[in-house]
Amino acid sequence: MDFLENLKESYVETLIPKIEKEVIFVKGENKGQVGILKEKDVKKGVAFVQLLDDFSIINVSLDSISEKGQRFN
């Protein structure tokens, strides 16, 4: 995921998916990791995401995650 390291936030629009859909972290200490959106509070700007690597659930800013898109080769 080297492209994420050089990706500027101004180049992307974060899309927040429905509950139980995959998200990718676009900034912060978990940048590049993938998880499952468990809960979201749009008014407060927070989400609970379960990480796929260790299954822990963390509380994060909605600005730090985006809907995980399909990758085309």
Protein backbone atom coordinates (compact mmCIF):
# COMPACT_ATOMS: atom_id res chain seq x y z
CA MET A 1 0.00 0.00 0.00
CA ASP A 2 2.83 2.38 -0.81
CA PHE A 3 0.48 4.69 -2.71
CA LEU A 4 -1.28 5.56 0.55
CA GLU A 5 1.93 6.84 2.11
CA ASN A 6 2.15 9.62 -0.48
CA LEU A 7 -1.56 10.26 -0.87
CA LYS A 8 -2.62 13.76 0.14
CA GLU A 9 -5.89 14.15 2.00
CA SER A 10 -6.99 16.90 -0.39
CA TYR A 11 -6.98 14.36 -3.26
CA VAL A 12 -9.64 12.08 -1.79
CA GLU A 13 -13.23 12.20 -0.66
CA THR A 14 -13.97 10.03 2.32
CA LEU A 15 -17.06 7.91 1.87
CA ILE A 16 -18.55 6.40 4.98
CA PRO A 17 -20.19 3.04 4.21
CA LYS A 18 -23.08 1.34 5.87
CA ILE A 19 -22.59 -0.61 9.08
CA GLU A 20 -20.78 -3.98 8.63
CA LYS A 21 -19.01 -2.84 5.42
CA GLU A 22 -15.23 -2.63 4.93
CA VAL A 23 -13.37 0.61 5.55
CA ILE A 24 -9.76 1.62 5.01
CA PHE A 25 -7.84 4.00 7.24
CA VAL A 26 -6.66 7.00 5.23
CA LYS A 27 -4.77 8.76 8.02
CA GLY A 28 -3.55 8.30 11.55
CA GLU A 29 -1.62 5.48 13.19
CA ASN A 30 -3.75 2.84 11.42
CA LYS A 31 -3.30 4.33 7.93
CA GLY A 32 -3.54 1.60 5.29
CA GLN A 33 -5.24 -0.94 7.56
CA VAL A 34 -8.64 -2.39 6.78
CA GLY A 35 -11.53 -2.95 9.15
CA ILE A 36 -15.27 -3.42 9.44
CA LEU A 37 -17.48 -0.48 10.40
CA LYS A 38 -19.44 -1.54 13.49
CA GLU A 39 -21.08 1.75 14.55
CA LYS A 40 -21.02 5.39 13.49
CA ASP A 41 -22.25 8.69 14.90
CA VAL A 42 -22.23 11.27 12.13
CA LYS A 43 -23.21 14.13 14.47
CA LYS A 44 -20.23 13.44 16.73
CA GLY A 45 -17.95 12.48 13.82
CA VAL A 46 -16.86 9.16 15.32
CA ALA A 47 -16.96 5.49 14.39
CA PHE A 48 -16.22 2.12 15.94
CA VAL A 49 -14.18 -0.07 13.60
CA GLN A 50 -13.11 -3.68 14.07
CA LEU A 51 -9.61 -4.19 12.69
CA LEU A 52 -9.21 -7.23 10.45
CA ASP A 53 -5.66 -8.02 11.59
CA ASP A 54 -6.36 -8.54 15.31
CA PHE A 55 -10.18 -8.14 15.56
CA SER A 56 -9.88 -5.35 18.14
CA ILE A 57 -12.53 -2.62 18.03
CA ILE A 58 -11.31 0.96 18.13
CA ASN A 59 -13.01 4.35 18.33
CA VAL A 60 -11.84 6.66 15.52
CA SER A 61 -12.73 9.90 13.78
CA LEU A 62 -14.90 9.53 10.68
CA ASP A 63 -12.28 11.65 8.90
CA SER A 64 -9.69 8.91 9.36
CA ILE A 65 -11.62 6.20 7.47
CA SER A 66 -13.19 5.77 4.06
CA GLU A 67 -15.25 3.19 2.25
CA LYS A 68 -12.95 0.52 0.87
CA GLY A 69 -13.31 0.51 -2.90
CA GLN A 70 -12.80 -2.32 -5.36
CA ARG A 71 -9.32 -2.70 -6.79
CA PHE A 72 -9.07 -3.15 -10.52
CA ASN A 73 -5.98 -4.74 -12.09
